[in-house]
Amino acid sequence: MKKKSLLVLFVGISISVFAQKVTLSGSVKDSSQNPMSYANVNVKPKNVSKNLQFAITDNEGYYKLLLEKGDS
C-alpha cells in the first residue's frame, strides 16, 4: 500500500514538473516610438476561472511574463 501511494505521488509530481511554460516578453512604445515606463501589460486566460496575468514595464518599456502554454 505504501509503495502504491509513493508511486502515485511520484507520477503526480512528475506531471506537474513537465508542465510547459512560455515566456512572453517585449516592449511597449507610444505612437512616437518612445518607450513607455511603468505601463501595465495584461494577459487574459482562456479559462475564466484562472487569474489574470500581468506585468509592469521597467523604465525602458520592457516586460516579461511567464505563462503556462495554452492559457492565453
PDB file of N, CA and C in Angstrom:
ATOM      1  N   MET A   1       0.822  -1.199   0.000  1.00  0.00           N
ATOM      2  CA  MET A   1       0.000   0.000   0.000  1.00  0.00           C
ATOM      3  C   MET A   1       0.867   1.265   0.000  1.00  0.00           C
ATOM      4  N   LYS A   2       1.928   1.227   0.795  1.00  0.00           N
ATOM      5  CA  LYS A   2       2.814   2.376   0.867  1.00  0.00           C
ATOM      6  C   LYS A   2       3.513   2.622  -0.466  1.00  0.00           C
ATOM      7  N   LYS A   3       3.887   1.524  -1.148  1.00  0.00           N
ATOM      8  CA  LYS A   3       4.562   1.653  -2.437  1.00  0.00           C
ATOM      9  C   LYS A   3       3.631   2.265  -3.476  1.00  0.00           C
ATOM     10  N   LYS A   4       2.342   1.879  -3.449  1.00  0.00           N
ATOM     11  CA  LYS A   4       1.380   2.445  -4.398  1.00  0.00           C
ATOM     12  C   LYS A   4       1.213   3.937  -4.161  1.00  0.00           C
ATOM     13  N   SER A   5       1.145   4.331  -2.906  1.00  0.00           N
ATOM     14  CA  SER A   5       0.986   5.750  -2.572  1.00  0.00           C
ATOM     15  C   SER A   5       2.183   6.557  -3.054  1.00  0.00           C
ATOM     16  N   LEU A   6       3.367   6.020  -2.842  1.00  0.00           N
ATOM     17  CA  LEU A   6       4.578   6.710  -3.291  1.00  0.00           C
ATOM     18  C   LEU A   6       4.623   6.801  -4.806  1.00  0.00           C
ATOM     19  N   LEU A   7       4.200   5.748  -5.505  1.00  0.00           N
ATOM     20  CA  LEU A   7       4.187   5.758  -6.959  1.00  0.00           C
ATOM     21  C   LEU A   7       3.215   6.818  -7.479  1.00  0.00           C
ATOM     22  N   VAL A   8       2.025   6.887  -6.897  1.00  0.00           N
ATOM     23  CA  VAL A   8       1.040   7.890  -7.316  1.00  0.00           C
ATOM     24  C   VAL A   8       1.569   9.293  -7.050  1.00  0.00           C
ATOM     25  N   LEU A   9       2.194   9.507  -5.919  1.00  0.00           N
ATOM     26  CA  LEU A   9       2.769  10.809  -5.588  1.00  0.00           C
ATOM     27  C   LEU A   9       3.877  11.180  -6.577  1.00  0.00           C
ATOM     28  N   PHE A  10       4.745  10.230  -6.892  1.00  0.00           N
ATOM     29  CA  PHE A  10       5.840  10.479  -7.827  1.00  0.00           C
ATOM     30  C   PHE A  10       5.316  10.831  -9.217  1.00  0.00           C
ATOM     31  N   VAL A  11       4.320  10.102  -9.697  1.00  0.00           N
ATOM     32  CA  VAL A  11       3.740  10.379 -11.015  1.00  0.00           C
ATOM     33  C   VAL A  11       3.087  11.758 -11.025  1.00  0.00           C
ATOM     34  N   GLY A  12       2.370  12.111  -9.972  1.00  0.00           N
ATOM     35  CA  GLY A  12       1.734  13.427  -9.881  1.00  0.00           C
ATOM     36  C   GLY A  12       2.745  14.559  -9.912  1.00  0.00           C
ATOM     37  N   ILE A  13       3.826  14.392  -9.187  1.00  0.00           N
ATOM     38  CA  ILE A  13       4.873  15.415  -9.178  1.00  0.00           C
ATOM     39  C   ILE A  13       5.540  15.502 -10.542  1.00  0.00           C
ATOM     40  N   SER A  14       5.780  14.362 -11.180  1.00  0.00           N
ATOM     41  CA  SER A  14       6.421  14.351 -12.500  1.00  0.00           C
ATOM     42  C   SER A  14       5.586  15.090 -13.529  1.00  0.00           C
ATOM     43  N   ILE A  15       4.293  14.892 -13.494  1.00  0.00           N
ATOM     44  CA  ILE A  15       3.404  15.562 -14.447  1.00  0.00           C
ATOM     45  C   ILE A  15       3.440  17.073 -14.230  1.00  0.00           C
ATOM     46  N   SER A  16       3.406  17.511 -12.993  1.00  0.00           N
ATOM     47  CA  SER A  16       3.416  18.954 -12.737  1.00  0.00           C
ATOM     48  C   SER A  16       4.754  19.587 -13.097  1.00  0.00           C
ATOM     49  N   VAL A  17       5.846  18.846 -12.980  1.00  0.00           N
ATOM     50  CA  VAL A  17       7.165  19.368 -13.330  1.00  0.00           C
ATOM     51  C   VAL A  17       7.276  19.581 -14.835  1.00  0.00           C
ATOM     52  N   PHE A  18       6.633  18.723 -15.620  1.00  0.00           N
ATOM     53  CA  PHE A  18       6.731  18.818 -17.064  1.00  0.00           C
ATOM     54  C   PHE A  18       5.683  19.730 -17.687  1.00  0.00           C
ATOM     55  N   ALA A  19       4.949  20.486 -16.892  1.00  0.00           N
ATOM     56  CA  ALA A  19       4.002  21.451 -17.443  1.00  0.00           C
ATOM     57  C   ALA A  19       4.787  22.468 -18.255  1.00  0.00           C
ATOM     58  N   GLN A  20       4.310  22.738 -19.452  1.00  0.00           N
ATOM     59  CA  GLN A  20       5.063  23.614 -20.341  1.00  0.00           C
ATOM     60  C   GLN A  20       4.821  25.078 -20.002  1.00  0.00           C
ATOM     61  N   LYS A  21       5.897  25.807 -19.933  1.00  0.00           N
ATOM     62  CA  LYS A  21       5.849  27.240 -19.661  1.00  0.00           C
ATOM     63  C   LYS A  21       6.284  28.001 -20.907  1.00  0.00           C
ATOM     64  N   VAL A  22       5.720  29.170 -21.089  1.00  0.00           N
ATOM     65  CA  VAL A  22       6.045  30.031 -22.219  1.00  0.00           C
ATOM     66  C   VAL A  22       6.410  31.404 -21.668  1.00  0.00           C
ATOM     67  N   THR A  23       7.469  31.988 -22.183  1.00  0.00           N
ATOM     68  CA  THR A  23       7.856  33.337 -21.782  1.00  0.00           C
ATOM     69  C   THR A  23       7.383  34.312 -22.851  1.00  0.00           C
ATOM     70  N   LEU A  24       6.617  35.283 -22.429  1.00  0.00           N
ATOM     71  CA  LEU A  24       6.159  36.355 -23.306  1.00  0.00           C
ATOM     72  C   LEU A  24       6.888  37.615 -22.875  1.00  0.00           C
ATOM     73  N   SER A  25       7.648  38.200 -23.792  1.00  0.00           N
ATOM     74  CA  SER A  25       8.390  39.409 -23.439  1.00  0.00           C
ATOM     75  C   SER A  25       8.367  40.371 -24.611  1.00  0.00           C
ATOM     76  N   GLY A  26       8.632  41.608 -24.320  1.00  0.00           N
ATOM     77  CA  GLY A  26       8.656  42.619 -25.369  1.00  0.00           C
ATOM     78  C   GLY A  26       8.795  43.996 -24.774  1.00  0.00           C
ATOM     79  N   SER A  27       8.431  44.986 -25.567  1.00  0.00           N
ATOM     80  CA  SER A  27       8.491  46.365 -25.085  1.00  0.00           C
ATOM     81  C   SER A  27       7.222  47.091 -25.505  1.00  0.00           C
ATOM     82  N   VAL A  28       6.894  48.109 -24.744  1.00  0.00           N
ATOM     83  CA  VAL A  28       5.715  48.927 -25.016  1.00  0.00           C
ATOM     84  C   VAL A  28       6.202  50.321 -25.389  1.00  0.00           C
ATOM     85  N   LYS A  29       5.709  50.812 -26.545  1.00  0.00           N
ATOM     86  CA  LYS A  29       6.098  52.142 -27.014  1.00  0.00           C
ATOM     87  C   LYS A  29       4.860  52.944 -27.374  1.00  0.00           C
ATOM     88  N   ASP A  30       4.967  54.252 -27.301  1.00  0.00           N
ATOM     89  CA  ASP A  30       3.848  55.107 -27.695  1.00  0.00           C
ATOM     90  C   ASP A  30       3.881  55.330 -29.214  1.00  0.00           C
ATOM     91  N   SER A  31       2.984  56.163 -29.717  1.00  0.00           N
ATOM     92  CA  SER A  31       2.883  56.383 -31.166  1.00  0.00           C
ATOM     93  C   SER A  31       4.116  57.052 -31.766  1.00  0.00           C
ATOM     94  N   SER A  32       4.925  57.691 -30.932  1.00  0.00           N
ATOM     95  CA  SER A  32       6.178  58.311 -31.396  1.00  0.00           C
ATOM     96  C   SER A  32       7.379  57.387 -31.218  1.00  0.00           C
ATOM     97  N   GLN A  33       7.107  56.104 -30.876  1.00  0.00           N
ATOM     98  CA  GLN A  33       8.139  55.091 -30.666  1.00  0.00           C
ATOM     99  C   GLN A  33       9.022  55.350 -29.451  1.00  0.00           C
ATOM    100  N   ASN A  34       8.509  56.107 -28.477  1.00  0.00           N
ATOM    101  CA  ASN A  34       9.212  56.309 -27.212  1.00  0.00           C
ATOM    102  C   ASN A  34       8.787  55.207 -26.243  1.00  0.00           C
ATOM    103  N   PRO A  35       9.729  54.640 -25.490  1.00  0.00           N
ATOM    104  CA  PRO A  35       9.364  53.587 -24.540  1.00  0.00           C
ATOM    105  C   PRO A  35       8.435  54.126 -23.447  1.00  0.00           C
ATOM    106  N   MET A  36       7.452  53.308 -23.076  1.00  0.00           N
ATOM    107  CA  MET A  36       6.507  53.700 -22.027  1.00  0.00           C
ATOM    108  C   MET A  36       6.911  53.043 -20.711  1.00  0.00           C
ATOM    109  N   SER A  37       7.380  53.852 -19.783  1.00  0.00           N
ATOM    110  CA  SER A  37       7.802  53.368 -18.470  1.00  0.00           C
ATOM    111  C   SER A  37       6.599  53.042 -17.603  1.00  0.00           C
ATOM    112  N   TYR A  38       6.687  51.929 -16.874  1.00  0.00           N
ATOM    113  CA  TYR A  38       5.715  51.520 -15.859  1.00  0.00           C
ATOM    114  C   TYR A  38       4.295  51.353 -16.402  1.00  0.00           C
ATOM    115  N   ALA A  39       4.186  50.872 -17.650  1.00  0.00           N
ATOM    116  CA  ALA A  39       2.881  50.572 -18.240  1.00  0.00           C
ATOM    117  C   ALA A  39       2.461  49.163 -17.814  1.00  0.00           C
ATOM    118  N   ASN A  40       1.156  48.920 -17.693  1.00  0.00           N
ATOM    119  CA  ASN A  40       0.632  47.600 -17.356  1.00  0.00           C
ATOM    120  C   ASN A  40       0.424  46.775 -18.612  1.00  0.00           C
ATOM    121  N   VAL A  41       0.842  45.517 -18.567  1.00  0.00           N
ATOM    122  CA  VAL A  41       0.622  44.552 -19.647  1.00  0.00           C
ATOM    123  C   VAL A  41      -0.206  43.426 -19.042  1.00  0.00           C
ATOM    124  N   ASN A  42      -1.414  43.189 -19.581  1.00  0.00           N
ATOM    125  CA  ASN A  42      -2.317  42.182 -19.045  1.00  0.00           C
ATOM    126  C   ASN A  42      -2.520  41.050 -20.036  1.00  0.00           C
ATOM    127  N   VAL A  43      -2.628  39.826 -19.516  1.00  0.00           N
ATOM    128  CA  VAL A  43      -2.929  38.652 -20.329  1.00  0.00           C
ATOM    129  C   VAL A  43      -4.166  37.996 -19.737  1.00  0.00           C
ATOM    130  N   LYS A  44      -5.203  37.905 -20.546  1.00  0.00           N
ATOM    131  CA  LYS A  44      -6.455  37.302 -20.105  1.00  0.00           C
ATOM    132  C   LYS A  44      -6.449  35.818 -20.477  1.00  0.00           C
ATOM    133  N   PRO A  45      -6.576  34.912 -19.496  1.00  0.00           N
ATOM    134  CA  PRO A  45      -6.570  33.479 -19.810  1.00  0.00           C
ATOM    135  C   PRO A  45      -7.852  33.047 -20.508  1.00  0.00           C
ATOM    136  N   LYS A  46      -7.752  31.986 -21.322  1.00  0.00           N
ATOM    137  CA  LYS A  46      -8.928  31.441 -21.990  1.00  0.00           C
ATOM    138  C   LYS A  46      -9.934  30.920 -20.971  1.00  0.00           C
ATOM    139  N   ASN A  47      -9.431  30.267 -19.944  1.00  0.00           N
ATOM    140  CA  ASN A  47     -10.275  29.721 -18.891  1.00  0.00           C
ATOM    141  C   ASN A  47     -10.575  30.832 -17.880  1.00  0.00           C
ATOM    142  N   VAL A  48     -11.842  31.226 -17.769  1.00  0.00           N
ATOM    143  CA  VAL A  48     -12.200  32.365 -16.920  1.00  0.00           C
ATOM    144  C   VAL A  48     -12.000  32.082 -15.434  1.00  0.00           C
ATOM    145  N   SER A  49     -11.830  30.820 -15.049  1.00  0.00           N
ATOM    146  CA  SER A  49     -11.623  30.512 -13.639  1.00  0.00           C
ATOM    147  C   SER A  49     -10.174  30.763 -13.206  1.00  0.00           C
ATOM    148  N   LYS A  50      -9.279  30.968 -14.170  1.00  0.00           N
ATOM    149  CA  LYS A  50      -7.877  31.258 -13.843  1.00  0.00           C
ATOM    150  C   LYS A  50      -7.671  32.753 -13.679  1.00  0.00           C
ATOM    151  N   ASN A  51      -6.625  33.107 -12.975  1.00  0.00           N
ATOM    152  CA  ASN A  51      -6.337  34.515 -12.687  1.00  0.00           C
ATOM    153  C   ASN A  51      -5.732  35.238 -13.884  1.00  0.00           C
ATOM    154  N   LEU A  52      -5.995  36.522 -13.955  1.00  0.00           N
ATOM    155  CA  LEU A  52      -5.395  37.399 -14.946  1.00  0.00           C
ATOM    156  C   LEU A  52      -3.907  37.512 -14.645  1.00  0.00           C
ATOM    157  N   GLN A  53      -3.069  37.429 -15.665  1.00  0.00           N
ATOM    158  CA  GLN A  53      -1.626  37.576 -15.504  1.00  0.00           C
ATOM    159  C   GLN A  53      -1.240  38.988 -15.939  1.00  0.00           C
ATOM    160  N   PHE A  54      -0.292  39.579 -15.244  1.00  0.00           N
ATOM    161  CA  PHE A  54       0.115  40.933 -15.619  1.00  0.00           C
ATOM    162  C   PHE A  54       1.580  41.167 -15.320  1.00  0.00           C
ATOM    163  N   ALA A  55       2.111  42.173 -15.979  1.00  0.00           N
ATOM    164  CA  ALA A  55       3.479  42.639 -15.733  1.00  0.00           C
ATOM    165  C   ALA A  55       3.473  44.153 -15.859  1.00  0.00           C
ATOM    166  N   ILE A  56       4.454  44.772 -15.268  1.00  0.00           N
ATOM    167  CA  ILE A  56       4.630  46.218 -15.370  1.00  0.00           C
ATOM    168  C   ILE A  56       5.971  46.456 -16.057  1.00  0.00           C
ATOM    169  N   THR A  57       5.963  47.304 -17.067  1.00  0.00           N
ATOM    170  CA  THR A  57       7.201  47.561 -17.800  1.00  0.00           C
ATOM    171  C   THR A  57       8.215  48.276 -16.907  1.00  0.00           C
ATOM    172  N   ASP A  58       9.484  48.075 -17.232  1.00  0.00           N
ATOM    173  CA  ASP A  58      10.528  48.779 -16.488  1.00  0.00           C
ATOM    174  C   ASP A  58      10.657  50.206 -17.024  1.00  0.00           C
ATOM    175  N   ASN A  59      11.665  50.931 -16.588  1.00  0.00           N
ATOM    176  CA  ASN A  59      11.788  52.338 -17.003  1.00  0.00           C
ATOM    177  C   ASN A  59      12.196  52.485 -18.472  1.00  0.00           C
ATOM    178  N   GLU A  60      12.515  51.371 -19.155  1.00  0.00           N
ATOM    179  CA  GLU A  60      12.812  51.421 -20.587  1.00  0.00           C
ATOM    180  C   GLU A  60      11.708  50.767 -21.420  1.00  0.00           C
ATOM    181  N   GLY A  61      10.585  50.439 -20.805  1.00  0.00           N
ATOM    182  CA  GLY A  61       9.433  49.914 -21.520  1.00  0.00           C
ATOM    183  C   GLY A  61       9.407  48.411 -21.739  1.00  0.00           C
ATOM    184  N   TYR A  62      10.356  47.664 -21.167  1.00  0.00           N
ATOM    185  CA  TYR A  62      10.412  46.218 -21.370  1.00  0.00           C
ATOM    186  C   TYR A  62       9.613  45.474 -20.296  1.00  0.00           C
ATOM    187  N   TYR A  63       9.006  44.341 -20.699  1.00  0.00           N
ATOM    188  CA  TYR A  63       8.274  43.488 -19.764  1.00  0.00           C
ATOM    189  C   TYR A  63       8.590  42.026 -20.062  1.00  0.00           C
ATOM    190  N   LYS A  64       8.250  41.149 -19.100  1.00  0.00           N
ATOM    191  CA  LYS A  64       8.457  39.716 -19.260  1.00  0.00           C
ATOM    192  C   LYS A  64       7.399  38.998 -18.427  1.00  0.00           C
ATOM    193  N   LEU A  65       6.678  38.061 -19.063  1.00  0.00           N
ATOM    194  CA  LEU A  65       5.657  37.258 -18.397  1.00  0.00           C
ATOM    195  C   LEU A  65       5.966  35.785 -18.569  1.00  0.00           C
ATOM    196  N   LEU A  66       5.777  34.986 -17.524  1.00  0.00           N
ATOM    197  CA  LEU A  66       5.926  33.543 -17.593  1.00  0.00           C
ATOM    198  C   LEU A  66       4.518  32.949 -17.525  1.00  0.00           C
ATOM    199  N   LEU A  67       4.102  32.288 -18.602  1.00  0.00           N
ATOM    200  CA  LEU A  67       2.738  31.767 -18.727  1.00  0.00           C
ATOM    201  C   LEU A  67       2.764  30.267 -18.962  1.00  0.00           C
ATOM    202  N   GLU A  68       1.650  29.606 -18.648  1.00  0.00           N
ATOM    203  CA  GLU A  68       1.507  28.195 -18.985  1.00  0.00           C
ATOM    204  C   GLU A  68       1.010  28.102 -20.423  1.00  0.00           C
ATOM    205  N   LYS A  69       1.561  27.163 -21.172  1.00  0.00           N
ATOM    206  CA  LYS A  69       1.202  27.011 -22.578  1.00  0.00           C
ATOM    207  C   LYS A  69      -0.287  26.686 -22.710  1.00  0.00           C
ATOM    208  N   GLY A  70      -0.957  27.409 -23.608  1.00  0.00           N
ATOM    209  CA  GLY A  70      -2.371  27.184 -23.857  1.00  0.00           C
ATOM    210  C   GLY A  70      -3.298  28.011 -22.988  1.00  0.00           C
ATOM    211  N   ASP A  71      -2.759  28.784 -22.048  1.00  0.00           N
ATOM    212  CA  ASP A  71      -3.597  29.603 -21.171  1.00  0.00           C
ATOM    213  C   ASP A  71      -4.169  30.824 -21.855  1.00  0.00           C
ATOM    214  N   SER A  72      -3.414  31.408 -22.763  1.00  0.00           N
ATOM    215  CA  SER A  72      -3.860  32.674 -23.339  1.00  0.00           C
ATOM    216  C   SER A  72      -3.945  32.595 -24.836  1.00  0.00           C
TER     217      SER A  72
END
